Protein backbone atom coordinates (compact mmCIF):
# COMPACT_ATOMS: atom_id res chain seq x y z
CA MET A 1 10.91 -21.60 -65.94
CA ALA A 2 13.81 -23.84 -66.08
CA SER A 3 15.77 -21.73 -68.78
CA SER A 4 16.04 -18.81 -65.74
CA ALA A 5 17.34 -21.44 -63.67
CA THR A 6 20.61 -22.10 -65.52
CA ASN A 7 24.01 -21.16 -64.41
CA HIS A 8 23.13 -21.44 -60.87
CA ARG A 9 25.17 -23.56 -58.07
CA PRO A 10 23.60 -27.05 -57.46
CA LEU A 11 21.23 -27.08 -53.94
CA SER A 12 20.02 -29.85 -52.27
CA VAL A 13 17.12 -29.62 -49.75
CA ALA A 14 16.54 -32.38 -47.19
CA GLY A 15 13.23 -33.73 -46.03
CA THR A 16 10.29 -36.49 -46.13
CA TRP A 17 8.81 -37.71 -49.85
CA PHE A 18 5.38 -38.60 -49.94
CA SER A 19 4.57 -39.86 -53.25
CA GLY A 20 0.82 -39.87 -52.73
CA GLU A 21 0.48 -43.95 -53.93
CA SER A 22 0.68 -44.27 -49.63
CA THR A 23 0.92 -42.56 -46.65
CA ALA A 24 4.18 -43.30 -45.37
CA GLY A 25 6.91 -40.98 -46.08
CA VAL A 26 10.42 -41.67 -47.28
CA GLU A 27 13.22 -39.85 -45.87
CA VAL A 28 15.18 -38.08 -49.14
CA VAL A 29 17.19 -35.33 -50.05
CA LEU A 30 16.29 -33.56 -53.41
CA ARG A 31 18.87 -32.50 -55.34
CA TRP A 32 19.06 -29.64 -58.14
CA ASP A 33 21.77 -29.89 -60.77
CA GLY A 34 21.61 -25.74 -61.01
CA GLN A 35 20.22 -26.04 -64.80
CA GLY A 36 16.79 -27.78 -65.26
CA SER A 37 16.84 -31.06 -63.51
CA ILE A 38 15.52 -32.38 -59.96
CA THR A 39 16.58 -35.63 -58.92
CA LEU A 40 15.46 -37.53 -55.28
CA ASP A 41 18.12 -39.72 -53.21
CA GLY A 42 16.61 -42.31 -51.07
CA VAL A 43 13.64 -43.04 -53.48
CA PRO A 44 13.89 -46.62 -54.61
CA GLY A 45 14.79 -46.72 -57.86
CA GLY A 46 15.51 -42.66 -57.93
CA ARG A 47 13.33 -40.04 -59.19
CA GLN A 48 13.81 -37.09 -61.65
CA PHE A 49 11.64 -34.10 -62.52
CA ASP A 50 12.35 -31.10 -64.53
CA VAL A 51 12.63 -27.82 -62.39
CA ALA A 52 9.46 -26.33 -64.45
CA THR A 53 6.91 -28.82 -63.14
CA MET A 54 8.24 -27.64 -59.16
CA VAL A 55 6.07 -25.50 -56.87
CA ILE A 56 7.20 -24.45 -53.43
CA SER A 57 4.24 -23.57 -51.01
CA ALA A 58 4.35 -20.18 -49.22
CA PRO A 59 6.02 -20.02 -45.78
CA ILE A 60 3.40 -20.11 -43.08
CA GLY A 61 5.38 -19.03 -39.63
CA ALA A 62 7.07 -22.42 -38.77
CA THR A 63 4.86 -24.85 -40.67
CA PRO A 64 6.96 -27.23 -42.68
CA ARG A 65 7.38 -26.09 -46.43
CA SER A 66 6.17 -28.14 -49.18
CA ILE A 67 7.71 -28.51 -53.09
CA HIS A 68 4.85 -29.90 -55.36
CA PHE A 69 5.65 -31.76 -58.60
CA GLY A 70 2.52 -31.51 -60.74
CA GLY A 71 0.52 -34.06 -58.90
CA ARG A 72 3.37 -36.80 -58.95
CA GLY A 73 4.25 -36.15 -55.09
CA LYS A 74 5.71 -33.85 -52.82
CA LEU A 75 8.53 -32.88 -50.14
CA ARG A 76 7.89 -31.72 -47.00
CA SER A 77 10.89 -29.66 -45.34
CA THR A 78 11.83 -28.32 -42.45
CA ASP A 79 15.55 -27.16 -43.88
CA PHE A 80 13.77 -23.57 -44.34
CA ALA A 81 17.08 -22.08 -45.54
CA ALA A 82 17.84 -24.57 -48.22
CA VAL A 83 14.10 -24.33 -48.99
CA VAL A 84 14.53 -20.73 -49.75
CA ALA A 85 17.77 -20.64 -51.31
CA LEU A 86 16.07 -22.97 -53.89
CA GLU A 87 12.75 -20.97 -54.43
CA ARG A 88 15.13 -17.53 -54.78
CA ALA A 89 17.54 -19.55 -57.65
CA THR A 90 14.81 -21.35 -59.57
CA GLY A 91 11.66 -18.62 -59.35
CA ARG A 92 9.35 -21.53 -58.49
CA GLY A 93 8.12 -20.38 -55.17
CA GLN A 94 4.23 -19.33 -54.89
CA GLY A 95 5.20 -15.98 -52.85
CA GLY A 96 3.16 -15.31 -49.57
CA HIS A 97 6.35 -14.04 -47.74
CA TRP A 98 4.50 -11.07 -46.49
CA LEU A 99 2.36 -13.45 -44.72
CA ASP A 100 5.29 -14.91 -43.22
CA ARG A 101 7.01 -11.34 -42.55
CA MET A 102 3.62 -10.22 -40.48
CA GLU A 103 3.47 -13.35 -38.46
CA ALA A 104 7.33 -12.65 -37.31
CA SER A 105 6.42 -8.98 -36.43
CA TRP A 106 4.39 -8.27 -33.62
CA THR A 107 3.07 -5.35 -34.42
CA LEU A 108 1.66 -6.49 -37.75
CA ALA A 109 0.19 -9.23 -35.69
CA ALA A 110 -0.97 -6.88 -33.16
CA LEU A 111 -2.47 -4.59 -35.87
CA PHE A 112 -4.15 -7.67 -37.77
CA VAL A 113 -5.50 -8.91 -34.65
CA VAL A 114 -7.35 -5.62 -34.19
CA LEU A 115 -8.63 -5.20 -37.67
CA LEU A 116 -10.08 -8.38 -37.30
CA VAL A 117 -11.35 -7.95 -34.23
CA VAL A 118 -13.17 -4.50 -35.17
CA GLY A 119 -14.24 -5.99 -38.24
CA SER A 120 -16.14 -9.11 -37.04
CA ALA A 121 -17.70 -6.79 -34.74
CA ALA A 122 -18.76 -4.29 -37.19
CA GLY A 123 -19.83 -7.36 -39.35
CA PHE A 124 -21.98 -8.33 -36.19
CA LYS A 125 -23.13 -5.01 -35.29
CA TRP A 126 -24.36 -4.07 -38.68
CA GLY A 127 -24.00 -7.16 -41.05
CA VAL A 128 -26.07 -9.50 -38.99
CA PRO A 129 -28.95 -7.35 -39.19
CA TRP A 130 -28.68 -6.12 -42.25
CA VAL A 131 -28.53 -10.22 -43.49
CA ALA A 132 -31.28 -10.75 -40.56
CA ASN A 133 -33.39 -8.40 -42.35
CA GLU A 134 -32.86 -9.43 -45.76
CA ALA A 135 -33.71 -13.15 -44.64
CA ALA A 136 -37.13 -12.74 -42.49
CA MET A 137 -38.47 -10.50 -45.29
CA ALA A 138 -37.74 -13.55 -47.98
CA LEU A 139 -39.00 -15.88 -45.65
CA PRO A 140 -42.01 -17.72 -46.91
CA ALA A 141 -45.51 -17.45 -45.20
CA SER A 142 -45.64 -20.72 -44.09
CA ALA A 143 -42.19 -20.24 -42.08
CA VAL A 144 -43.42 -17.83 -40.24
CA GLU A 145 -46.92 -19.13 -39.58
CA GLN A 146 -44.80 -22.09 -38.03
CA ILE A 147 -42.50 -20.24 -36.01
CA GLY A 148 -45.66 -17.90 -34.87
CA GLN A 149 -47.49 -21.53 -33.95
CA GLY A 150 -44.47 -22.79 -32.17
CA THR A 151 -43.61 -19.99 -30.13
CA LEU A 152 -47.64 -19.34 -29.06
CA VAL A 153 -47.30 -23.29 -27.70
CA LEU A 154 -44.31 -22.34 -25.91
CA LEU A 155 -45.64 -19.39 -24.68
CA ASP A 156 -48.96 -20.89 -23.12
CA GLU A 157 -47.07 -23.87 -21.48
CA THR A 158 -44.58 -22.09 -19.98
CA MET A 159 -45.66 -18.35 -18.93
CA LEU A 160 -49.11 -17.44 -20.14
CA LYS A 161 -52.58 -18.46 -18.45
CA PRO A 162 -56.02 -18.36 -20.30
CA SER A 163 -57.78 -15.13 -19.96
CA LYS A 164 -60.29 -14.38 -17.47
CA LEU A 165 -61.79 -11.47 -19.67
CA LYS A 166 -65.59 -11.48 -20.18
CA PRO A 167 -66.59 -12.44 -23.82
CA ALA A 168 -68.37 -9.35 -23.88
CA ARG A 169 -65.34 -7.33 -23.24
CA GLN A 170 -63.24 -9.70 -25.65
CA SER A 171 -66.04 -8.86 -28.25
CA GLU A 172 -65.37 -5.20 -28.12
CA LEU A 173 -61.78 -5.28 -27.88
CA ARG A 174 -61.51 -7.43 -31.18
CA GLN A 175 -64.38 -4.74 -32.47
CA THR A 176 -61.53 -2.11 -31.71
CA PHE A 177 -58.53 -4.06 -33.34
CA ALA A 178 -60.81 -4.60 -36.29
CA GLN A 179 -60.20 -0.98 -36.85
CA LEU A 180 -56.79 -1.79 -37.38
CA LYS A 181 -56.74 -4.98 -39.02
CA ARG A 182 -58.91 -3.29 -41.86
CA ARG A 183 -55.77 -1.05 -42.78
CA TYR A 184 -53.42 -3.60 -42.96
CA ASP A 185 -55.25 -6.70 -44.75
CA HIS A 186 -52.16 -7.63 -45.96
CA LEU A 187 -51.11 -9.09 -42.48
CA PRO A 188 -52.81 -12.04 -41.35
CA LEU A 189 -54.06 -10.16 -37.70
CA LYS A 190 -55.66 -11.54 -34.87
CA LEU A 191 -56.32 -10.93 -31.39
CA LEU A 192 -55.36 -13.20 -28.48
CA PHE A 193 -56.28 -12.88 -24.90
CA ARG A 194 -54.05 -14.31 -21.97
CA ARG A 195 -53.16 -13.51 -18.56
CA GLY A 196 -50.37 -14.04 -15.97
CA ILE A 197 -47.39 -11.66 -17.14
CA GLY A 198 -48.71 -8.49 -15.72
CA PRO A 199 -49.68 -5.60 -18.05
CA ASN A 200 -48.72 -6.59 -21.13
CA ALA A 201 -48.90 -6.81 -25.17
CA PHE A 202 -46.97 -8.64 -27.66
CA ALA A 203 -46.63 -9.57 -31.34
CA LEU A 204 -45.84 -12.71 -32.78
CA PRO A 205 -43.77 -13.56 -35.96
CA ASP A 206 -47.29 -14.86 -37.87
CA GLY A 207 -49.04 -11.91 -36.55
CA THR A 208 -50.92 -13.27 -33.79
CA VAL A 209 -51.04 -9.98 -31.27
CA LEU A 210 -51.76 -11.14 -27.45
CA LEU A 211 -53.03 -8.81 -25.39
CA THR A 212 -53.20 -9.17 -21.60
CA ASP A 213 -55.83 -8.87 -19.17
CA GLU A 214 -53.88 -6.94 -16.76
CA LEU A 215 -53.08 -4.09 -19.41
CA ALA A 216 -56.90 -4.18 -20.31
CA ALA A 217 -57.88 -3.27 -16.87
CA LEU A 218 -55.18 -0.75 -16.70
CA SER A 219 -56.29 1.09 -19.50
CA THR A 220 -59.01 3.83 -19.01
CA ASP A 221 -59.75 4.46 -22.78
CA ASP A 222 -59.77 1.88 -25.62
CA ARG A 223 -57.82 4.42 -27.96
CA GLN A 224 -54.92 3.79 -25.38
CA LEU A 225 -55.16 -0.24 -26.18
CA ILE A 226 -55.45 1.19 -29.93
CA ALA A 227 -52.19 2.88 -29.50
CA VAL A 228 -50.34 0.01 -28.12
CA LEU A 229 -51.86 -2.46 -30.64
CA ALA A 230 -50.70 -0.38 -33.52
CA HIS A 231 -46.86 -0.49 -31.80
CA GLU A 232 -47.04 -4.31 -31.60
CA ILE A 233 -48.36 -4.50 -35.14
CA GLY A 234 -45.48 -2.63 -36.34
CA HIS A 235 -43.51 -5.54 -34.87
CA VAL A 236 -45.44 -7.54 -37.36
CA HIS A 237 -45.41 -5.39 -40.65
CA HIS A 238 -41.20 -4.87 -40.06
CA ARG A 239 -40.91 -9.09 -38.96
CA HIS A 240 -39.12 -7.92 -35.87
CA GLY A 241 -39.41 -11.42 -34.51
CA VAL A 242 -38.17 -13.32 -37.29
CA ARG A 243 -35.37 -10.88 -37.75
CA MET A 244 -34.28 -11.28 -33.78
CA ALA A 245 -34.44 -15.09 -33.88
CA ILE A 246 -32.43 -15.02 -37.02
CA GLU A 247 -30.16 -12.64 -35.27
CA GLY A 248 -29.57 -14.88 -32.17
CA THR A 249 -28.70 -18.09 -33.87
CA ALA A 250 -26.51 -16.40 -36.73
CA VAL A 251 -23.16 -17.58 -35.10
CA SER A 252 -24.14 -20.98 -34.92
CA ILE A 253 -25.14 -20.87 -38.47
CA ALA A 254 -22.04 -19.28 -39.56
CA VAL A 255 -19.67 -21.70 -37.90
CA ALA A 256 -22.01 -24.54 -39.19
CA VAL A 257 -21.14 -23.22 -42.85
CA PHE A 258 -17.54 -21.92 -42.13
CA LEU A 259 -17.01 -25.74 -40.74
CA GLY A 260 -18.73 -27.11 -43.80
CA ASP A 261 -21.23 -29.23 -40.68
CA VAL A 262 -24.63 -28.45 -41.61
CA SER A 263 -26.26 -31.39 -39.01
CA ASP A 264 -27.09 -29.20 -36.61
CA LEU A 265 -28.88 -26.44 -38.90
CA GLY A 266 -32.34 -28.43 -37.94
CA VAL A 267 -31.84 -27.92 -34.37
CA VAL A 268 -31.01 -24.26 -34.53
CA THR A 269 -34.21 -23.78 -36.73
CA ALA A 270 -36.21 -25.59 -34.05
CA GLY A 271 -34.69 -23.32 -31.66
CA MET A 272 -35.86 -20.21 -33.10
CA PRO A 273 -39.62 -20.11 -31.35
CA ALA A 274 -37.71 -19.88 -27.90
CA ALA A 275 -35.66 -17.28 -29.66
CA VAL A 276 -38.41 -14.99 -30.24
CA VAL A 277 -39.71 -15.42 -26.86
CA GLN A 278 -36.58 -14.97 -25.24
CA ALA A 279 -35.30 -12.29 -27.15
CA GLN A 280 -35.86 -8.23 -26.34
CA PHE A 281 -36.36 -6.15 -29.46
CA SER A 282 -33.76 -3.56 -30.05
CA GLN A 283 -34.18 -0.24 -29.65
CA GLY A 284 -33.83 0.33 -33.31
CA HIS A 285 -36.70 -2.47 -33.66
CA GLU A 286 -38.92 -0.33 -31.38
CA THR A 287 -38.39 2.72 -32.60
CA GLU A 288 -39.12 1.43 -36.15
CA ALA A 289 -42.43 0.18 -34.10
CA ASP A 290 -42.95 3.57 -32.71
CA THR A 291 -43.03 5.00 -35.98
CA PHE A 292 -45.37 2.89 -37.24
CA ALA A 293 -47.66 3.24 -34.76
CA LEU A 294 -47.65 7.07 -34.92
CA GLU A 295 -48.06 6.89 -38.46
CA THR A 296 -51.03 4.44 -38.03
CA LEU A 297 -53.03 6.75 -35.28
CA MET A 298 -52.61 9.68 -37.58
CA HIS A 299 -54.18 7.97 -40.32
CA ILE A 300 -57.25 6.39 -38.28
CA GLY A 301 -57.89 9.56 -36.42
CA VAL A 302 -57.03 8.57 -32.79
CA ALA A 303 -54.74 11.48 -31.02
CA PRO A 304 -51.30 10.08 -29.88
CA HIS A 305 -51.38 11.26 -26.52
CA HIS A 306 -53.15 8.17 -25.93
CA PHE A 307 -50.22 5.97 -25.99
CA LEU A 308 -48.30 8.69 -24.06
CA ASP A 309 -51.51 7.90 -21.58
CA ILE A 310 -50.94 4.33 -21.69
CA MET A 311 -47.31 4.33 -21.35
CA ASN A 312 -47.62 6.71 -18.31
CA LYS A 313 -49.99 4.12 -16.54
CA LEU A 314 -47.26 1.60 -17.36
CA GLN A 315 -44.24 3.43 -15.93
CA ALA A 316 -46.05 4.19 -12.84
CA LYS A 317 -47.17 0.54 -12.29
CA ALA A 318 -43.14 -0.20 -13.14
CA GLY A 319 -42.85 1.76 -9.81
CA THR A 320 -44.36 -0.99 -7.93
CA GLU A 321 -41.49 -3.35 -9.36
CA ASP A 322 -44.23 -5.63 -11.43
CA LYS A 323 -42.01 -7.61 -13.37
CA GLY A 324 -44.28 -7.99 -16.38
CA VAL A 325 -44.11 -4.36 -16.65
CA GLN A 326 -40.41 -4.12 -16.33
CA ARG A 327 -39.93 -6.76 -19.17
CA TYR A 328 -42.06 -4.24 -21.20
CA PHE A 329 -39.88 -1.56 -20.59
CA ALA A 330 -36.72 -3.36 -20.91
CA SER A 331 -35.19 -2.34 -24.25
CA HIS A 332 -37.93 0.61 -25.66
CA PRO A 333 -36.91 3.98 -26.32
CA ALA A 334 -36.06 6.45 -23.65
CA THR A 335 -39.11 7.95 -22.56
CA SER A 336 -37.86 11.62 -23.44
CA GLU A 337 -37.72 10.52 -27.26
CA ARG A 338 -41.70 9.26 -26.91
CA VAL A 339 -42.42 12.57 -25.20
CA ARG A 340 -40.90 14.57 -28.24
CA ARG A 341 -42.42 12.43 -30.76
CA PHE A 342 -45.69 11.56 -29.39
CA GLY A 343 -46.16 14.44 -27.24
CA LYS A 344 -46.49 16.98 -30.20
CA THR A 345 -50.40 16.71 -30.41
CA ALA A 346 -50.42 16.23 -26.90
CA PRO A 347 -49.00 19.78 -24.67
CA HIS A 348 -50.43 18.77 -21.61
CA THR A 349 -49.34 15.11 -21.48
CA HIS A 350 -46.47 14.85 -19.28
CA LEU A 351 -43.83 11.68 -18.41
CA HIS A 352 -40.71 11.49 -16.62
CA PRO A 353 -37.55 11.95 -18.74
CA ASP A 354 -36.16 8.81 -17.46
CA SER A 355 -35.34 5.60 -19.20
CA MET A 356 -38.32 2.90 -19.58
């Protein structure tokens, strides 16, 4: 390095010297003799360095340039022209001028911003769901159970009321549910009854499926309820509730990890039950649950048209502006798509092809 710096005219750079022994800086002038020696004017007693130990930082906009000497101190300078001349003459720069040129170009800067926005959007559209799915599937059963129990407590405190279904009717529906339970004995499924939010059914992450009195009353055939319950078990099977909770807190987690401050991650974890309650499943999740339900109905010998029958009743009920029903349809796939998939074995069952 030093040998490549021979036969050059001497150069000087003005700046502030930081020895590393204190935070105070000293105004100095760095002088290079054009060969292999660096001296500092302004430091008590003087300082001398071999040019081979010098490293000049990369330029970043109007940020002062730093000239380091192997841990023995550094010079910080805004005498940019002099630093560039020294860098070119000695070859002791770290490079990075492409970044400086990009910052100076509005076109390149705008292109970088566009790429950053597109990359971030793609990350949250595809990357976050993928990570959420992997994390949800790897989550221990004890953690999933804790989330489910916390969610149920929250629902009972804020939205749900105790069921008024007669014990005999609840027993009948539990026997119906047992048909599905036997098929998926690897899942910790259980059926509970509540009321107060209109005709509805939904699954919690721990395998608890909640069926409302209003939905039980709306159905005219228990096979319709089997179809809905199969759909909800699909959410449990694919861990949609946990996935949505993780996706909902992904930004907080990412910021905490990026900043190195994980003190708030406990708060994020504690808020997961609320996220499960508040988050509506995406259409992708609903389609997955529909596929699961369709396959289940075919295997247990229940005609898929029963699913369309109950959807038809719910859609008719939604026309009366029942808020509970509207919540149920908020993010489900278009009715026309469900007719195409479930209606193949039910040519006489029709639904209006508008969105639920």
